[in-house]
Amino acid sequence: MSEKIRSYRDLRVWQEAVALAVSVYKLTEAFPKSEQYGLTNQMRRAAVSIASNIAEGFGRSAKEFGRFLEVALGSLAELETQSEIALRIACLPEEDSHQLADEMNSLGRQLNSLRQRVARSSRQLATSDQQPATSKRPTTSNR
C-alpha cells in the first residue's frame, strides 16, 4: 500500500529534483572561475528552479500544479541545453555529462508522468463540476 502524500517533500520527483540540483552544484564547482557568473550560475538556477516549481505548485489546484510542472520541465530542458554547452566547451567532463544526462532523463520521465496524472485529475474534476446535480426526491408510498 502506498503512503499518503502530505507534502511536496513526500514526492519522489521532488526528492530527485533536489538530488539533481545538488549534483549540478557539485559538478559546477570545478568549472573555471570565468564561468562563475555565466554557465555555472545558469545551470545552478535552472536546477534549483525544477525542485522549486514542484514545491510551489504542490499546494495549488490541480490545473495550477500542472502549469508549475510544465515550468519545471522547461527548466529541465534549459539545464539539458546548458550541460551540452558545458560539455562542448570542455567545462564538463564526458563521464560527468553522462551521469548528469542519466539523472535528467530519469527526472524528465517522472515529471512527465506526474504532469499527465495531474492533467487527468484536473480534467476529471472539471468534468464532475460540470455535471448537473441530480436531485433525489423522496419517494412516496401509496399506503
C-alpha atoms as a PDB file:
ATOM      1  CA  MET A   1       0.000   0.000   0.000  1.00  0.00           C
ATOM      2  CA  SER A   2       1.370   3.442  -0.877  1.00  0.00           C
ATOM      3  CA  GLU A   3       1.877   6.108   1.743  1.00  0.00           C
ATOM      4  CA  LYS A   4      -0.222   9.251   1.776  1.00  0.00           C
ATOM      5  CA  ILE A   5       1.405  12.280   0.169  1.00  0.00           C
ATOM      6  CA  ARG A   6       1.148  15.083   2.715  1.00  0.00           C
ATOM      7  CA  SER A   7       3.830  17.426   1.439  1.00  0.00           C
ATOM      8  CA  TYR A   8       5.843  18.065  -1.691  1.00  0.00           C
ATOM      9  CA  ARG A   9       8.723  16.553   0.298  1.00  0.00           C
ATOM     10  CA  ASP A  10       6.937  13.187   0.073  1.00  0.00           C
ATOM     11  CA  LEU A  11       7.040  13.303  -3.735  1.00  0.00           C
ATOM     12  CA  ARG A  12       9.814  11.150  -5.203  1.00  0.00           C
ATOM     13  CA  VAL A  13      10.026  13.562  -8.149  1.00  0.00           C
ATOM     14  CA  TRP A  14      10.807  16.462  -5.780  1.00  0.00           C
ATOM     15  CA  GLN A  15      13.429  14.367  -3.972  1.00  0.00           C
ATOM     16  CA  GLU A  16      15.060  13.511  -7.312  1.00  0.00           C
ATOM     17  CA  ALA A  17      14.958  17.162  -8.385  1.00  0.00           C
ATOM     18  CA  VAL A  18      16.760  18.197  -5.198  1.00  0.00           C
ATOM     19  CA  ALA A  19      19.346  15.450  -5.742  1.00  0.00           C
ATOM     20  CA  LEU A  20      19.866  16.725  -9.303  1.00  0.00           C
ATOM     21  CA  ALA A  21      20.386  20.280  -8.028  1.00  0.00           C
ATOM     22  CA  VAL A  22      22.977  19.022  -5.549  1.00  0.00           C
ATOM     23  CA  SER A  23      24.757  17.156  -8.374  1.00  0.00           C
ATOM     24  CA  VAL A  24      24.776  20.298 -10.508  1.00  0.00           C
ATOM     25  CA  TYR A  25      26.228  22.350  -7.656  1.00  0.00           C
ATOM     26  CA  LYS A  26      28.994  19.795  -7.118  1.00  0.00           C
ATOM     27  CA  LEU A  27      29.808  19.453 -10.814  1.00  0.00           C
ATOM     28  CA  THR A  28      29.894  23.194 -11.439  1.00  0.00           C
ATOM     29  CA  GLU A  29      32.354  23.751  -8.578  1.00  0.00           C
ATOM     30  CA  ALA A  30      35.050  22.546 -10.962  1.00  0.00           C
ATOM     31  CA  PHE A  31      34.064  24.991 -13.725  1.00  0.00           C
ATOM     32  CA  PRO A  32      36.554  27.754 -14.492  1.00  0.00           C
ATOM     33  CA  LYS A  33      36.187  30.980 -12.490  1.00  0.00           C
ATOM     34  CA  SER A  34      35.430  32.758 -15.771  1.00  0.00           C
ATOM     35  CA  GLU A  35      32.117  30.837 -15.855  1.00  0.00           C
ATOM     36  CA  GLN A  36      31.092  31.708 -12.288  1.00  0.00           C
ATOM     37  CA  TYR A  37      28.582  34.334 -13.444  1.00  0.00           C
ATOM     38  CA  GLY A  38      27.839  32.611 -16.725  1.00  0.00           C
ATOM     39  CA  LEU A  39      27.233  28.930 -17.234  1.00  0.00           C
ATOM     40  CA  THR A  40      27.775  27.986 -13.577  1.00  0.00           C
ATOM     41  CA  ASN A  41      25.111  30.412 -12.416  1.00  0.00           C
ATOM     42  CA  GLN A  42      22.707  29.487 -15.236  1.00  0.00           C
ATOM     43  CA  MET A  43      22.953  25.757 -14.563  1.00  0.00           C
ATOM     44  CA  ARG A  44      22.509  26.165 -10.833  1.00  0.00           C
ATOM     45  CA  ARG A  45      19.490  28.428 -11.248  1.00  0.00           C
ATOM     46  CA  ALA A  46      17.827  26.044 -13.728  1.00  0.00           C
ATOM     47  CA  ALA A  47      18.425  23.043 -11.439  1.00  0.00           C
ATOM     48  CA  VAL A  48      17.067  24.842  -8.375  1.00  0.00           C
ATOM     49  CA  SER A  49      14.073  26.029 -10.398  1.00  0.00           C
ATOM     50  CA  ILE A  50      12.973  22.451 -11.117  1.00  0.00           C
ATOM     51  CA  ALA A  51      12.594  21.459  -7.459  1.00  0.00           C
ATOM     52  CA  SER A  52      11.244  24.902  -6.526  1.00  0.00           C
ATOM     53  CA  ASN A  53       8.439  24.746  -9.078  1.00  0.00           C
ATOM     54  CA  ILE A  54       7.392  21.295  -7.917  1.00  0.00           C
ATOM     55  CA  ALA A  55       7.247  22.574  -4.345  1.00  0.00           C
ATOM     56  CA  GLU A  56       5.453  25.808  -5.209  1.00  0.00           C
ATOM     57  CA  GLY A  57       2.836  24.125  -7.351  1.00  0.00           C
ATOM     58  CA  PHE A  58       2.103  21.298  -4.928  1.00  0.00           C
ATOM     59  CA  GLY A  59      -0.268  23.222  -2.698  1.00  0.00           C
ATOM     60  CA  ARG A  60      -2.259  24.697  -5.553  1.00  0.00           C
ATOM     61  CA  SER A  61      -5.149  23.442  -7.646  1.00  0.00           C
ATOM     62  CA  ALA A  62      -4.534  20.529  -9.996  1.00  0.00           C
ATOM     63  CA  LYS A  63      -4.639  22.855 -13.000  1.00  0.00           C
ATOM     64  CA  GLU A  64      -2.095  25.240 -11.452  1.00  0.00           C
ATOM     65  CA  PHE A  65       0.100  22.366 -10.282  1.00  0.00           C
ATOM     66  CA  GLY A  66       0.146  21.099 -13.859  1.00  0.00           C
ATOM     67  CA  ARG A  67       1.354  24.507 -15.019  1.00  0.00           C
ATOM     68  CA  PHE A  68       4.143  24.535 -12.414  1.00  0.00           C
ATOM     69  CA  LEU A  69       5.198  21.069 -13.574  1.00  0.00           C
ATOM     70  CA  GLU A  70       5.370  22.389 -17.137  1.00  0.00           C
ATOM     71  CA  VAL A  71       7.634  25.195 -15.940  1.00  0.00           C
ATOM     72  CA  ALA A  72       9.800  22.613 -14.142  1.00  0.00           C
ATOM     73  CA  LEU A  73      10.056  20.667 -17.410  1.00  0.00           C
ATOM     74  CA  GLY A  74      11.117  23.870 -19.144  1.00  0.00           C
ATOM     75  CA  SER A  75      13.840  24.419 -16.563  1.00  0.00           C
ATOM     76  CA  LEU A  76      14.954  20.832 -17.086  1.00  0.00           C
ATOM     77  CA  ALA A  77      15.240  21.482 -20.834  1.00  0.00           C
ATOM     78  CA  GLU A  78      17.326  24.584 -20.070  1.00  0.00           C
ATOM     79  CA  LEU A  79      19.618  22.520 -17.861  1.00  0.00           C
ATOM     80  CA  GLU A  80      19.973  19.854 -20.553  1.00  0.00           C
ATOM     81  CA  THR A  81      20.980  22.537 -23.055  1.00  0.00           C
ATOM     82  CA  GLN A  82      23.413  24.167 -20.651  1.00  0.00           C
ATOM     83  CA  SER A  83      25.048  20.848 -19.784  1.00  0.00           C
ATOM     84  CA  GLU A  84      25.504  20.131 -23.507  1.00  0.00           C
ATOM     85  CA  ILE A  85      27.202  23.518 -23.909  1.00  0.00           C
ATOM     86  CA  ALA A  86      29.378  22.824 -20.850  1.00  0.00           C
ATOM     87  CA  LEU A  87      30.420  19.510 -22.391  1.00  0.00           C
ATOM     88  CA  ARG A  88      31.230  21.094 -25.765  1.00  0.00           C
ATOM     89  CA  ILE A  89      33.378  23.854 -24.254  1.00  0.00           C
ATOM     90  CA  ALA A  90      35.179  21.316 -22.057  1.00  0.00           C
ATOM     91  CA  CYS A  91      33.881  22.571 -18.700  1.00  0.00           C
ATOM     92  CA  LEU A  92      32.087  19.294 -18.036  1.00  0.00           C
ATOM     93  CA  PRO A  93      33.966  16.000 -18.470  1.00  0.00           C
ATOM     94  CA  GLU A  94      32.217  13.434 -20.661  1.00  0.00           C
ATOM     95  CA  GLU A  95      31.765  10.943 -17.804  1.00  0.00           C
ATOM     96  CA  ASP A  96      30.111  13.604 -15.633  1.00  0.00           C
ATOM     97  CA  SER A  97      27.986  14.668 -18.586  1.00  0.00           C
ATOM     98  CA  HIS A  98      26.674  11.114 -18.997  1.00  0.00           C
ATOM     99  CA  GLN A  99      25.887  10.826 -15.293  1.00  0.00           C
ATOM    100  CA  LEU A 100      24.064  14.153 -15.343  1.00  0.00           C
ATOM    101  CA  ALA A 101      22.181  13.156 -18.506  1.00  0.00           C
ATOM    102  CA  ASP A 102      21.016   9.944 -16.816  1.00  0.00           C
ATOM    103  CA  GLU A 103      19.725  11.925 -13.818  1.00  0.00           C
ATOM    104  CA  MET A 104      17.980  14.446 -16.076  1.00  0.00           C
ATOM    105  CA  ASN A 105      16.368  11.727 -18.215  1.00  0.00           C
ATOM    106  CA  SER A 106      15.045   9.921 -15.147  1.00  0.00           C
ATOM    107  CA  LEU A 107      13.690  13.145 -13.685  1.00  0.00           C
ATOM    108  CA  GLY A 108      12.123  14.108 -17.005  1.00  0.00           C
ATOM    109  CA  ARG A 109      10.229  10.814 -17.170  1.00  0.00           C
ATOM    110  CA  GLN A 110       8.984  11.285 -13.610  1.00  0.00           C
ATOM    111  CA  LEU A 111       7.918  14.889 -14.257  1.00  0.00           C
ATOM    112  CA  ASN A 112       6.063  13.925 -17.432  1.00  0.00           C
ATOM    113  CA  SER A 113       4.313  11.068 -15.676  1.00  0.00           C
ATOM    114  CA  LEU A 114       3.225  13.280 -12.792  1.00  0.00           C
ATOM    115  CA  ARG A 115       2.128  16.041 -15.176  1.00  0.00           C
ATOM    116  CA  GLN A 116      -0.061  13.571 -17.080  1.00  0.00           C
ATOM    117  CA  ARG A 117      -1.628  12.247 -13.868  1.00  0.00           C
ATOM    118  CA  VAL A 118      -2.311  15.770 -12.630  1.00  0.00           C
ATOM    119  CA  ALA A 119      -3.825  16.731 -16.010  1.00  0.00           C
ATOM    120  CA  ARG A 120      -6.138  13.691 -15.899  1.00  0.00           C
ATOM    121  CA  SER A 121      -7.142  14.572 -12.368  1.00  0.00           C
ATOM    122  CA  SER A 122      -7.800  18.172 -13.377  1.00  0.00           C
ATOM    123  CA  ARG A 123      -9.967  17.063 -16.313  1.00  0.00           C
ATOM    124  CA  GLN A 124     -11.918  14.671 -14.097  1.00  0.00           C
ATOM    125  CA  LEU A 125     -12.552  17.433 -11.570  1.00  0.00           C
ATOM    126  CA  ALA A 126     -13.642  19.830 -14.302  1.00  0.00           C
ATOM    127  CA  THR A 127     -15.976  17.222 -15.762  1.00  0.00           C
ATOM    128  CA  SER A 128     -17.523  16.414 -12.401  1.00  0.00           C
ATOM    129  CA  ASP A 129     -18.023  20.141 -11.730  1.00  0.00           C
ATOM    130  CA  GLN A 130     -19.972  20.437 -14.981  1.00  0.00           C
ATOM    131  CA  GLN A 131     -22.273  17.510 -14.279  1.00  0.00           C
ATOM    132  CA  PRO A 132     -25.721  18.653 -13.197  1.00  0.00           C
ATOM    133  CA  ALA A 133     -26.529  17.800  -9.635  1.00  0.00           C
ATOM    134  CA  THR A 134     -29.167  15.136  -9.504  1.00  0.00           C
ATOM    135  CA  SER A 135     -31.907  15.940  -7.122  1.00  0.00           C
ATOM    136  CA  LYS A 136     -33.244  12.932  -5.385  1.00  0.00           C
ATOM    137  CA  ARG A 137     -36.841  13.313  -4.485  1.00  0.00           C
ATOM    138  CA  PRO A 138     -38.128  11.270  -1.663  1.00  0.00           C
ATOM    139  CA  THR A 139     -40.292   8.510  -2.940  1.00  0.00           C
ATOM    140  CA  THR A 140     -43.850   8.467  -1.803  1.00  0.00           C
ATOM    141  CA  SER A 141     -45.550   5.290  -0.976  1.00  0.00           C
ATOM    142  CA  ASN A 142     -49.171   4.540  -1.644  1.00  0.00           C
ATOM    143  CA  ARG A 143     -50.446   3.439   1.696  1.00  0.00           C
END
